[in-house]
Structure formats: C-alpha cells, structure tokens
Amino acid sequence: MNIVSSTAETASASKYLQQLCKHFAHKVPAEWDTKRGEVSFPFGICRMEATESRLMIRCETDESHKMARMKSVIDSHIERFAWREKLKLHWQSEE
C-alpha cells in the first residue's frame, strides 16, 4: 500500500473538506460531514479530517504509479477552491 498525507493550516478546513467531497461526489463515491470525508477514486482512497485550524488529507493507493494522479487531482482542486489563501499541499510519504 502506498500512503501519503498532507496538512494545510487554514481556518476554512471544514469548508474545503465539504467543498472537495461534494465536488468529487458528482463523479465518484464520497461521504462526508463537517469534520471527516472519504472519497473513493478509481485509483485510490482519499480521507480528510478538518479541525478549526487544519485540513488533514491522507491518500492510499495500491500501486505507486497511481499516487501521482491522486496527488495531482487533490492539489489542483485545493488550489482552485482555496485560491484566496493560496494553499499548497506538501505531501509526506507514510511508507
């Protein structure tokens, strides 16, 4: 299993979590509330957790080549939804 995670400092963590999950739910299975979310992409699973000041994202794939796609999809959407803050995720491998 390939696992990466990232944490973004933001007072809008819950808002972004819900925006991401709702957006992805138009094409893939997604479940969420104000504090947790999970999106099942064809190339892996993305789990998110929001606190008052942080958005934590953890992605899992079964094959390493799928991770680049996963990170690219999450990065591009976070940049679009959080453009005012210019959030940039810094991924850490959990291997």
PDB file of N, CA and C in Angstrom:
ATOM      1  N   MET A   1       0.855  -1.183   0.000  1.00  0.00           N
ATOM      2  CA  MET A   1       0.000   0.000   0.000  1.00  0.00           C
ATOM      3  C   MET A   1       0.891   1.233   0.000  1.00  0.00           C
ATOM      4  N   ASN A   2       0.542   2.191  -0.824  1.00  0.00           N
ATOM      5  CA  ASN A   2       1.242   3.468  -0.906  1.00  0.00           C
ATOM      6  C   ASN A   2       0.391   4.513  -0.203  1.00  0.00           C
ATOM      7  N   ILE A   3       0.992   5.227   0.746  1.00  0.00           N
ATOM      8  CA  ILE A   3       0.249   6.203   1.543  1.00  0.00           C
ATOM      9  C   ILE A   3       1.024   7.511   1.605  1.00  0.00           C
ATOM     10  N   VAL A   4       0.320   8.620   1.361  1.00  0.00           N
ATOM     11  CA  VAL A   4       0.885   9.953   1.551  1.00  0.00           C
ATOM     12  C   VAL A   4      -0.123  10.785   2.340  1.00  0.00           C
ATOM     13  N   SER A   5       0.382  11.805   3.009  1.00  0.00           N
ATOM     14  CA  SER A   5      -0.510  12.688   3.754  1.00  0.00           C
ATOM     15  C   SER A   5       0.006  14.115   3.674  1.00  0.00           C
ATOM     16  N   SER A   6      -0.896  15.034   3.970  1.00  0.00           N
ATOM     17  CA  SER A   6      -0.560  16.448   3.984  1.00  0.00           C
ATOM     18  C   SER A   6      -1.487  17.159   4.955  1.00  0.00           C
ATOM     19  N   THR A   7      -0.981  18.231   5.550  1.00  0.00           N
ATOM     20  CA  THR A   7      -1.782  19.045   6.452  1.00  0.00           C
ATOM     21  C   THR A   7      -1.670  20.501   6.013  1.00  0.00           C
ATOM     22  N   ALA A   8      -2.822  21.140   5.867  1.00  0.00           N
ATOM     23  CA  ALA A   8      -2.850  22.554   5.490  1.00  0.00           C
ATOM     24  C   ALA A   8      -3.411  23.353   6.666  1.00  0.00           C
ATOM     25  N   GLU A   9      -2.710  24.378   7.048  1.00  0.00           N
ATOM     26  CA  GLU A   9      -3.174  25.270   8.108  1.00  0.00           C
ATOM     27  C   GLU A   9      -4.170  26.251   7.495  1.00  0.00           C
ATOM     28  N   THR A  10      -5.415  26.189   7.950  1.00  0.00           N
ATOM     29  CA  THR A  10      -6.445  27.088   7.435  1.00  0.00           C
ATOM     30  C   THR A  10      -7.637  27.134   8.379  1.00  0.00           C
ATOM     31  N   ALA A  11      -8.198  28.290   8.543  1.00  0.00           N
ATOM     32  CA  ALA A  11      -9.401  28.439   9.366  1.00  0.00           C
ATOM     33  C   ALA A  11     -10.645  27.958   8.609  1.00  0.00           C
ATOM     34  N   SER A  12     -10.486  27.632   7.328  1.00  0.00           N
ATOM     35  CA  SER A  12     -11.604  27.181   6.495  1.00  0.00           C
ATOM     36  C   SER A  12     -11.539  25.682   6.200  1.00  0.00           C
ATOM     37  N   ALA A  13     -10.928  24.913   7.070  1.00  0.00           N
ATOM     38  CA  ALA A  13     -10.721  23.484   6.822  1.00  0.00           C
ATOM     39  C   ALA A  13     -12.024  22.743   6.555  1.00  0.00           C
ATOM     40  N   SER A  14     -13.027  22.955   7.372  1.00  0.00           N
ATOM     41  CA  SER A  14     -14.299  22.263   7.192  1.00  0.00           C
ATOM     42  C   SER A  14     -14.957  22.662   5.872  1.00  0.00           C
ATOM     43  N   LYS A  15     -14.893  23.910   5.538  1.00  0.00           N
ATOM     44  CA  LYS A  15     -15.464  24.399   4.284  1.00  0.00           C
ATOM     45  C   LYS A  15     -14.806  23.701   3.091  1.00  0.00           C
ATOM     46  N   TYR A  16     -13.473  23.616   3.088  1.00  0.00           N
ATOM     47  CA  TYR A  16     -12.764  22.994   1.976  1.00  0.00           C
ATOM     48  C   TYR A  16     -13.034  21.494   1.913  1.00  0.00           C
ATOM     49  N   LEU A  17     -13.065  20.843   3.062  1.00  0.00           N
ATOM     50  CA  LEU A  17     -13.374  19.411   3.101  1.00  0.00           C
ATOM     51  C   LEU A  17     -14.727  19.157   2.443  1.00  0.00           C
ATOM     52  N   GLN A  18     -15.722  19.920   2.833  1.00  0.00           N
ATOM     53  CA  GLN A  18     -17.072  19.731   2.290  1.00  0.00           C
ATOM     54  C   GLN A  18     -17.134  20.083   0.796  1.00  0.00           C
ATOM     55  N   GLN A  19     -16.429  21.129   0.410  1.00  0.00           N
ATOM     56  CA  GLN A  19     -16.402  21.517  -1.000  1.00  0.00           C
ATOM     57  C   GLN A  19     -15.775  20.423  -1.854  1.00  0.00           C
ATOM     58  N   LEU A  20     -14.638  19.910  -1.405  1.00  0.00           N
ATOM     59  CA  LEU A  20     -13.947  18.858  -2.148  1.00  0.00           C
ATOM     60  C   LEU A  20     -14.835  17.625  -2.285  1.00  0.00           C
ATOM     61  N   CYS A  21     -15.375  17.156  -1.170  1.00  0.00           N
ATOM     62  CA  CYS A  21     -16.191  15.944  -1.192  1.00  0.00           C
ATOM     63  C   CYS A  21     -17.438  16.124  -2.052  1.00  0.00           C
ATOM     64  N   LYS A  22     -18.101  17.238  -1.906  1.00  0.00           N
ATOM     65  CA  LYS A  22     -19.315  17.486  -2.686  1.00  0.00           C
ATOM     66  C   LYS A  22     -18.984  17.527  -4.176  1.00  0.00           C
ATOM     67  N   HIS A  23     -17.890  18.163  -4.518  1.00  0.00           N
ATOM     68  CA  HIS A  23     -17.474  18.258  -5.922  1.00  0.00           C
ATOM     69  C   HIS A  23     -17.165  16.864  -6.487  1.00  0.00           C
ATOM     70  N   PHE A  24     -16.357  16.093  -5.759  1.00  0.00           N
ATOM     71  CA  PHE A  24     -15.981  14.762  -6.239  1.00  0.00           C
ATOM     72  C   PHE A  24     -17.181  13.812  -6.291  1.00  0.00           C
ATOM     73  N   ALA A  25     -18.168  14.025  -5.433  1.00  0.00           N
ATOM     74  CA  ALA A  25     -19.344  13.145  -5.369  1.00  0.00           C
ATOM     75  C   ALA A  25     -20.156  13.160  -6.666  1.00  0.00           C
ATOM     76  N   HIS A  26     -19.921  14.143  -7.515  1.00  0.00           N
ATOM     77  CA  HIS A  26     -20.619  14.176  -8.801  1.00  0.00           C
ATOM     78  C   HIS A  26     -20.132  13.063  -9.729  1.00  0.00           C
ATOM     79  N   LYS A  27     -18.915  12.542  -9.452  1.00  0.00           N
ATOM     80  CA  LYS A  27     -18.339  11.530 -10.345  1.00  0.00           C
ATOM     81  C   LYS A  27     -17.939  10.231  -9.654  1.00  0.00           C
ATOM     82  N   VAL A  28     -17.621  10.289  -8.374  1.00  0.00           N
ATOM     83  CA  VAL A  28     -17.173   9.090  -7.658  1.00  0.00           C
ATOM     84  C   VAL A  28     -17.852   9.031  -6.291  1.00  0.00           C
ATOM     85  N   PRO A  29     -17.881   7.852  -5.663  1.00  0.00           N
ATOM     86  CA  PRO A  29     -18.493   7.758  -4.335  1.00  0.00           C
ATOM     87  C   PRO A  29     -17.754   8.623  -3.307  1.00  0.00           C
ATOM     88  N   ALA A  30     -18.520   9.356  -2.517  1.00  0.00           N
ATOM     89  CA  ALA A  30     -17.950  10.211  -1.473  1.00  0.00           C
ATOM     90  C   ALA A  30     -18.933  10.302  -0.313  1.00  0.00           C
ATOM     91  N   GLU A  31     -18.378  10.315   0.889  1.00  0.00           N
ATOM     92  CA  GLU A  31     -19.170  10.507   2.102  1.00  0.00           C
ATOM     93  C   GLU A  31     -18.466  11.549   2.949  1.00  0.00           C
ATOM     94  N   TRP A  32     -19.250  12.410   3.609  1.00  0.00           N
ATOM     95  CA  TRP A  32     -18.639  13.449   4.426  1.00  0.00           C
ATOM     96  C   TRP A  32     -19.634  14.052   5.394  1.00  0.00           C
ATOM     97  N   ASP A  33     -19.058  14.709   6.395  1.00  0.00           N
ATOM     98  CA  ASP A  33     -19.808  15.582   7.280  1.00  0.00           C
ATOM     99  C   ASP A  33     -18.927  16.811   7.467  1.00  0.00           C
ATOM    100  N   THR A  34     -19.103  17.569   8.517  1.00  0.00           N
ATOM    101  CA  THR A  34     -18.317  18.798   8.672  1.00  0.00           C
ATOM    102  C   THR A  34     -16.878  18.549   9.128  1.00  0.00           C
ATOM    103  N   LYS A  35     -16.600  17.340   9.643  1.00  0.00           N
ATOM    104  CA  LYS A  35     -15.262  17.071  10.185  1.00  0.00           C
ATOM    105  C   LYS A  35     -14.481  15.985   9.470  1.00  0.00           C
ATOM    106  N   ARG A  36     -15.166  15.106   8.757  1.00  0.00           N
ATOM    107  CA  ARG A  36     -14.493  13.996   8.093  1.00  0.00           C
ATOM    108  C   ARG A  36     -15.075  13.750   6.716  1.00  0.00           C
ATOM    109  N   GLY A  37     -14.211  13.276   5.814  1.00  0.00           N
ATOM    110  CA  GLY A  37     -14.680  12.936   4.483  1.00  0.00           C
ATOM    111  C   GLY A  37     -13.863  11.806   3.904  1.00  0.00           C
ATOM    112  N   GLU A  38     -14.480  11.069   3.005  1.00  0.00           N
ATOM    113  CA  GLU A  38     -13.786   9.992   2.304  1.00  0.00           C
ATOM    114  C   GLU A  38     -14.271   9.963   0.867  1.00  0.00           C
ATOM    115  N   VAL A  39     -13.322   9.923  -0.056  1.00  0.00           N
ATOM    116  CA  VAL A  39     -13.625   9.879  -1.481  1.00  0.00           C
ATOM    117  C   VAL A  39     -12.969   8.631  -2.050  1.00  0.00           C
ATOM    118  N   SER A  40     -13.753   7.849  -2.798  1.00  0.00           N
ATOM    119  CA  SER A  40     -13.254   6.611  -3.408  1.00  0.00           C
ATOM    120  C   SER A  40     -13.038   6.836  -4.899  1.00  0.00           C
ATOM    121  N   PHE A  41     -11.810   7.195  -5.246  1.00  0.00           N
ATOM    122  CA  PHE A  41     -11.446   7.366  -6.648  1.00  0.00           C
ATOM    123  C   PHE A  41     -11.143   5.994  -7.253  1.00  0.00           C
ATOM    124  N   PRO A  42     -11.192   5.861  -8.572  1.00  0.00           N
ATOM    125  CA  PRO A  42     -10.824   4.589  -9.198  1.00  0.00           C
ATOM    126  C   PRO A  42      -9.356   4.223  -8.931  1.00  0.00           C
ATOM    127  N   PHE A  43      -8.539   5.220  -8.620  1.00  0.00           N
ATOM    128  CA  PHE A  43      -7.109   4.991  -8.411  1.00  0.00           C
ATOM    129  C   PHE A  43      -6.703   5.014  -6.940  1.00  0.00           C
ATOM    130  N   GLY A  44      -7.640   5.158  -6.012  1.00  0.00           N
ATOM    131  CA  GLY A  44      -7.304   5.124  -4.587  1.00  0.00           C
ATOM    132  C   GLY A  44      -8.349   5.798  -3.715  1.00  0.00           C
ATOM    133  N   ILE A  45      -8.057   5.802  -2.431  1.00  0.00           N
ATOM    134  CA  ILE A  45      -8.953   6.371  -1.415  1.00  0.00           C
ATOM    135  C   ILE A  45      -8.314   7.627  -0.832  1.00  0.00           C
ATOM    136  N   CYS A  46      -9.127   8.647  -0.652  1.00  0.00           N
ATOM    137  CA  CYS A  46      -8.670   9.883  -0.015  1.00  0.00           C
ATOM    138  C   CYS A  46      -9.533  10.128   1.212  1.00  0.00           C
ATOM    139  N   ARG A  47      -8.887  10.245   2.362  1.00  0.00           N
ATOM    140  CA  ARG A  47      -9.599  10.546   3.608  1.00  0.00           C
ATOM    141  C   ARG A  47      -9.167  11.934   4.083  1.00  0.00           C
ATOM    142  N   MET A  48     -10.142  12.699   4.562  1.00  0.00           N
ATOM    143  CA  MET A  48      -9.869  14.057   5.026  1.00  0.00           C
ATOM    144  C   MET A  48     -10.450  14.263   6.413  1.00  0.00           C
ATOM    145  N   GLU A  49      -9.772  15.096   7.174  1.00  0.00           N
ATOM    146  CA  GLU A  49     -10.246  15.449   8.508  1.00  0.00           C
ATOM    147  C   GLU A  49     -10.026  16.943   8.702  1.00  0.00           C
ATOM    148  N   ALA A  50     -11.034  17.606   9.250  1.00  0.00           N
ATOM    149  CA  ALA A  50     -10.947  19.048   9.474  1.00  0.00           C
ATOM    150  C   ALA A  50     -11.037  19.366  10.957  1.00  0.00           C
ATOM    151  N   THR A  51     -10.154  20.256  11.410  1.00  0.00           N
ATOM    152  CA  THR A  51     -10.252  20.820  12.750  1.00  0.00           C
ATOM    153  C   THR A  51     -10.521  22.319  12.551  1.00  0.00           C
ATOM    154  N   GLU A  52     -10.512  23.064  13.623  1.00  0.00           N
ATOM    155  CA  GLU A  52     -10.744  24.510  13.499  1.00  0.00           C
ATOM    156  C   GLU A  52      -9.636  25.223  12.744  1.00  0.00           C
ATOM    157  N   SER A  53      -8.445  24.617  12.707  1.00  0.00           N
ATOM    158  CA  SER A  53      -7.321  25.309  12.075  1.00  0.00           C
ATOM    159  C   SER A  53      -6.534  24.468  11.076  1.00  0.00           C
ATOM    160  N   ARG A  54      -6.981  23.223  10.808  1.00  0.00           N
ATOM    161  CA  ARG A  54      -6.218  22.356   9.915  1.00  0.00           C
ATOM    162  C   ARG A  54      -7.109  21.474   9.054  1.00  0.00           C
ATOM    163  N   LEU A  55      -6.650  21.249   7.830  1.00  0.00           N
ATOM    164  CA  LEU A  55      -7.235  20.245   6.958  1.00  0.00           C
ATOM    165  C   LEU A  55      -6.172  19.175   6.752  1.00  0.00           C
ATOM    166  N   MET A  56      -6.472  17.962   7.199  1.00  0.00           N
ATOM    167  CA  MET A  56      -5.539  16.849   7.065  1.00  0.00           C
ATOM    168  C   MET A  56      -6.061  15.919   5.982  1.00  0.00           C
ATOM    169  N   ILE A  57      -5.177  15.545   5.066  1.00  0.00           N
ATOM    170  CA  ILE A  57      -5.555  14.701   3.938  1.00  0.00           C
ATOM    171  C   ILE A  57      -4.614  13.499   3.912  1.00  0.00           C
ATOM    172  N   ARG A  58      -5.198  12.308   3.746  1.00  0.00           N
ATOM    173  CA  ARG A  58      -4.417  11.066   3.683  1.00  0.00           C
ATOM    174  C   ARG A  58      -4.906  10.276   2.479  1.00  0.00           C
ATOM    175  N   CYS A  59      -3.990   9.929   1.583  1.00  0.00           N
ATOM    176  CA  CYS A  59      -4.338   9.220   0.359  1.00  0.00           C
ATOM    177  C   CYS A  59      -3.662   7.860   0.324  1.00  0.00           C
ATOM    178  N   GLU A  60      -4.393   6.855  -0.137  1.00  0.00           N
ATOM    179  CA  GLU A  60      -3.876   5.491  -0.235  1.00  0.00           C
ATOM    180  C   GLU A  60      -4.141   4.952  -1.633  1.00  0.00           C
ATOM    181  N   THR A  61      -3.133   4.313  -2.215  1.00  0.00           N
ATOM    182  CA  THR A  61      -3.285   3.638  -3.497  1.00  0.00           C
ATOM    183  C   THR A  61      -2.624   2.262  -3.402  1.00  0.00           C
ATOM    184  N   ASP A  62      -3.044   1.354  -4.266  1.00  0.00           N
ATOM    185  CA  ASP A  62      -2.455   0.025  -4.249  1.00  0.00           C
ATOM    186  C   ASP A  62      -1.214  -0.084  -5.131  1.00  0.00           C
ATOM    187  N   GLU A  63      -1.021   0.875  -6.025  1.00  0.00           N
ATOM    188  CA  GLU A  63       0.144   0.869  -6.910  1.00  0.00           C
ATOM    189  C   GLU A  63       0.758   2.266  -6.931  1.00  0.00           C
ATOM    190  N   SER A  64       2.087   2.322  -6.886  1.00  0.00           N
ATOM    191  CA  SER A  64       2.772   3.613  -6.753  1.00  0.00           C
ATOM    192  C   SER A  64       2.485   4.568  -7.909  1.00  0.00           C
ATOM    193  N   HIS A  65       2.307   4.072  -9.123  1.00  0.00           N
ATOM    194  CA  HIS A  65       2.072   4.985 -10.253  1.00  0.00           C
ATOM    195  C   HIS A  65       0.723   5.692 -10.142  1.00  0.00           C
ATOM    196  N   LYS A  66      -0.190   5.173  -9.351  1.00  0.00           N
ATOM    197  CA  LYS A  66      -1.498   5.811  -9.176  1.00  0.00           C
ATOM    198  C   LYS A  66      -1.423   7.016  -8.226  1.00  0.00           C
ATOM    199  N   MET A  67      -0.384   7.056  -7.399  1.00  0.00           N
ATOM    200  CA  MET A  67      -0.273   8.130  -6.407  1.00  0.00           C
ATOM    201  C   MET A  67      -0.074   9.492  -7.062  1.00  0.00           C
ATOM    202  N   ALA A  68       0.680   9.553  -8.134  1.00  0.00           N
ATOM    203  CA  ALA A  68       0.895  10.835  -8.812  1.00  0.00           C
ATOM    204  C   ALA A  68      -0.435  11.405  -9.288  1.00  0.00           C
ATOM    205  N   ARG A  69      -1.294  10.558  -9.811  1.00  0.00           N
ATOM    206  CA  ARG A  69      -2.623  11.000 -10.261  1.00  0.00           C
ATOM    207  C   ARG A  69      -3.445  11.507  -9.088  1.00  0.00           C
ATOM    208  N   MET A  70      -3.418  10.753  -7.989  1.00  0.00           N
ATOM    209  CA  MET A  70      -4.179  11.126  -6.796  1.00  0.00           C
ATOM    210  C   MET A  70      -3.742  12.505  -6.300  1.00  0.00           C
ATOM    211  N   LYS A  71      -2.444  12.691  -6.138  1.00  0.00           N
ATOM    212  CA  LYS A  71      -1.939  13.968  -5.641  1.00  0.00           C
ATOM    213  C   LYS A  71      -2.271  15.108  -6.606  1.00  0.00           C
ATOM    214  N   SER A  72      -2.172  14.848  -7.879  1.00  0.00           N
ATOM    215  CA  SER A  72      -2.468  15.875  -8.872  1.00  0.00           C
ATOM    216  C   SER A  72      -3.930  16.318  -8.801  1.00  0.00           C
ATOM    217  N   VAL A  73      -4.836  15.370  -8.671  1.00  0.00           N
ATOM    218  CA  VAL A  73      -6.266  15.696  -8.585  1.00  0.00           C
ATOM    219  C   VAL A  73      -6.550  16.513  -7.322  1.00  0.00           C
ATOM    220  N   ILE A  74      -6.017  16.075  -6.184  1.00  0.00           N
ATOM    221  CA  ILE A  74      -6.255  16.782  -4.920  1.00  0.00           C
ATOM    222  C   ILE A  74      -5.611  18.170  -4.966  1.00  0.00           C
ATOM    223  N   ASP A  75      -4.364  18.238  -5.411  1.00  0.00           N
ATOM    224  CA  ASP A  75      -3.660  19.530  -5.487  1.00  0.00           C
ATOM    225  C   ASP A  75      -4.418  20.541  -6.353  1.00  0.00           C
ATOM    226  N   SER A  76      -4.827  20.122  -7.535  1.00  0.00           N
ATOM    227  CA  SER A  76      -5.470  21.074  -8.447  1.00  0.00           C
ATOM    228  C   SER A  76      -6.798  21.583  -7.891  1.00  0.00           C
ATOM    229  N   HIS A  77      -7.523  20.722  -7.196  1.00  0.00           N
ATOM    230  CA  HIS A  77      -8.810  21.156  -6.640  1.00  0.00           C
ATOM    231  C   HIS A  77      -8.639  22.030  -5.393  1.00  0.00           C
ATOM    232  N   ILE A  78      -7.674  21.707  -4.567  1.00  0.00           N
ATOM    233  CA  ILE A  78      -7.405  22.545  -3.373  1.00  0.00           C
ATOM    234  C   ILE A  78      -6.965  23.929  -3.841  1.00  0.00           C
ATOM    235  N   GLU A  79      -6.132  23.984  -4.860  1.00  0.00           N
ATOM    236  CA  GLU A  79      -5.683  25.279  -5.374  1.00  0.00           C
ATOM    237  C   GLU A  79      -6.857  26.089  -5.924  1.00  0.00           C
ATOM    238  N   ARG A  80      -7.791  25.409  -6.568  1.00  0.00           N
ATOM    239  CA  ARG A  80      -8.964  26.102  -7.132  1.00  0.00           C
ATOM    240  C   ARG A  80      -9.903  26.593  -6.039  1.00  0.00           C
ATOM    241  N   PHE A  81     -10.190  25.736  -5.050  1.00  0.00           N
ATOM    242  CA  PHE A  81     -11.151  26.098  -4.011  1.00  0.00           C
ATOM    243  C   PHE A  81     -10.566  27.059  -2.973  1.00  0.00           C
ATOM    244  N   ALA A  82      -9.272  26.982  -2.744  1.00  0.00           N
ATOM    245  CA  ALA A  82      -8.623  27.821  -1.725  1.00  0.00           C
ATOM    246  C   ALA A  82      -7.737  28.887  -2.370  1.00  0.00           C
ATOM    247  N   TRP A  83      -8.149  29.383  -3.507  1.00  0.00           N
ATOM    248  CA  TRP A  83      -7.309  30.330  -4.233  1.00  0.00           C
ATOM    249  C   TRP A  83      -7.043  31.608  -3.461  1.00  0.00           C
ATOM    250  N   ARG A  84      -7.968  32.020  -2.619  1.00  0.00           N
ATOM    251  CA  ARG A  84      -7.745  33.254  -1.845  1.00  0.00           C
ATOM    252  C   ARG A  84      -6.581  33.098  -0.873  1.00  0.00           C
ATOM    253  N   GLU A  85      -6.459  31.896  -0.320  1.00  0.00           N
ATOM    254  CA  GLU A  85      -5.390  31.622   0.644  1.00  0.00           C
ATOM    255  C   GLU A  85      -4.108  31.132  -0.010  1.00  0.00           C
ATOM    256  N   LYS A  86      -4.216  30.758  -1.279  1.00  0.00           N
ATOM    257  CA  LYS A  86      -3.064  30.193  -1.998  1.00  0.00           C
ATOM    258  C   LYS A  86      -2.490  28.988  -1.261  1.00  0.00           C
ATOM    259  N   LEU A  87      -3.397  28.100  -0.807  1.00  0.00           N
ATOM    260  CA  LEU A  87      -2.952  26.890  -0.118  1.00  0.00           C
ATOM    261  C   LEU A  87      -2.187  25.989  -1.062  1.00  0.00           C
ATOM    262  N   LYS A  88      -1.103  25.440  -0.571  1.00  0.00           N
ATOM    263  CA  LYS A  88      -0.290  24.484  -1.318  1.00  0.00           C
ATOM    264  C   LYS A  88      -0.020  23.320  -0.401  1.00  0.00           C
ATOM    265  N   LEU A  89      -0.335  22.119  -0.865  1.00  0.00           N
ATOM    266  CA  LEU A  89      -0.118  20.927  -0.044  1.00  0.00           C
ATOM    267  C   LEU A  89       1.313  20.439  -0.197  1.00  0.00           C
ATOM    268  N   HIS A  90       1.885  19.976   0.898  1.00  0.00           N
ATOM    269  CA  HIS A  90       3.224  19.400   0.916  1.00  0.00           C
ATOM    270  C   HIS A  90       3.077  17.961   1.376  1.00  0.00           C
ATOM    271  N   TRP A  91       3.183  17.042   0.437  1.00  0.00           N
ATOM    272  CA  TRP A  91       2.917  15.627   0.704  1.00  0.00           C
ATOM    273  C   TRP A  91       4.080  14.944   1.400  1.00  0.00           C
ATOM    274  N   GLN A  92       3.748  14.099   2.350  1.00  0.00           N
ATOM    275  CA  GLN A  92       4.735  13.298   3.093  1.00  0.00           C
ATOM    276  C   GLN A  92       4.395  11.825   2.896  1.00  0.00           C
ATOM    277  N   SER A  93       5.363  11.036   2.570  1.00  0.00           N
ATOM    278  CA  SER A  93       5.154   9.604   2.417  1.00  0.00           C
ATOM    279  C   SER A  93       5.055   8.948   3.792  1.00  0.00           C
ATOM    280  N   GLU A  94       4.159   7.998   3.947  1.00  0.00           N
ATOM    281  CA  GLU A  94       3.997   7.293   5.218  1.00  0.00           C
ATOM    282  C   GLU A  94       4.435   5.831   5.125  1.00  0.00           C
ATOM    283  N   GLU A  95       5.334   5.548   4.205  1.00  0.00           N
ATOM    284  CA  GLU A  95       5.774   4.160   3.997  1.00  0.00           C
ATOM    285  C   GLU A  95       6.607   3.650   5.139  1.00  0.00           C
TER     286      GLU A  95
END
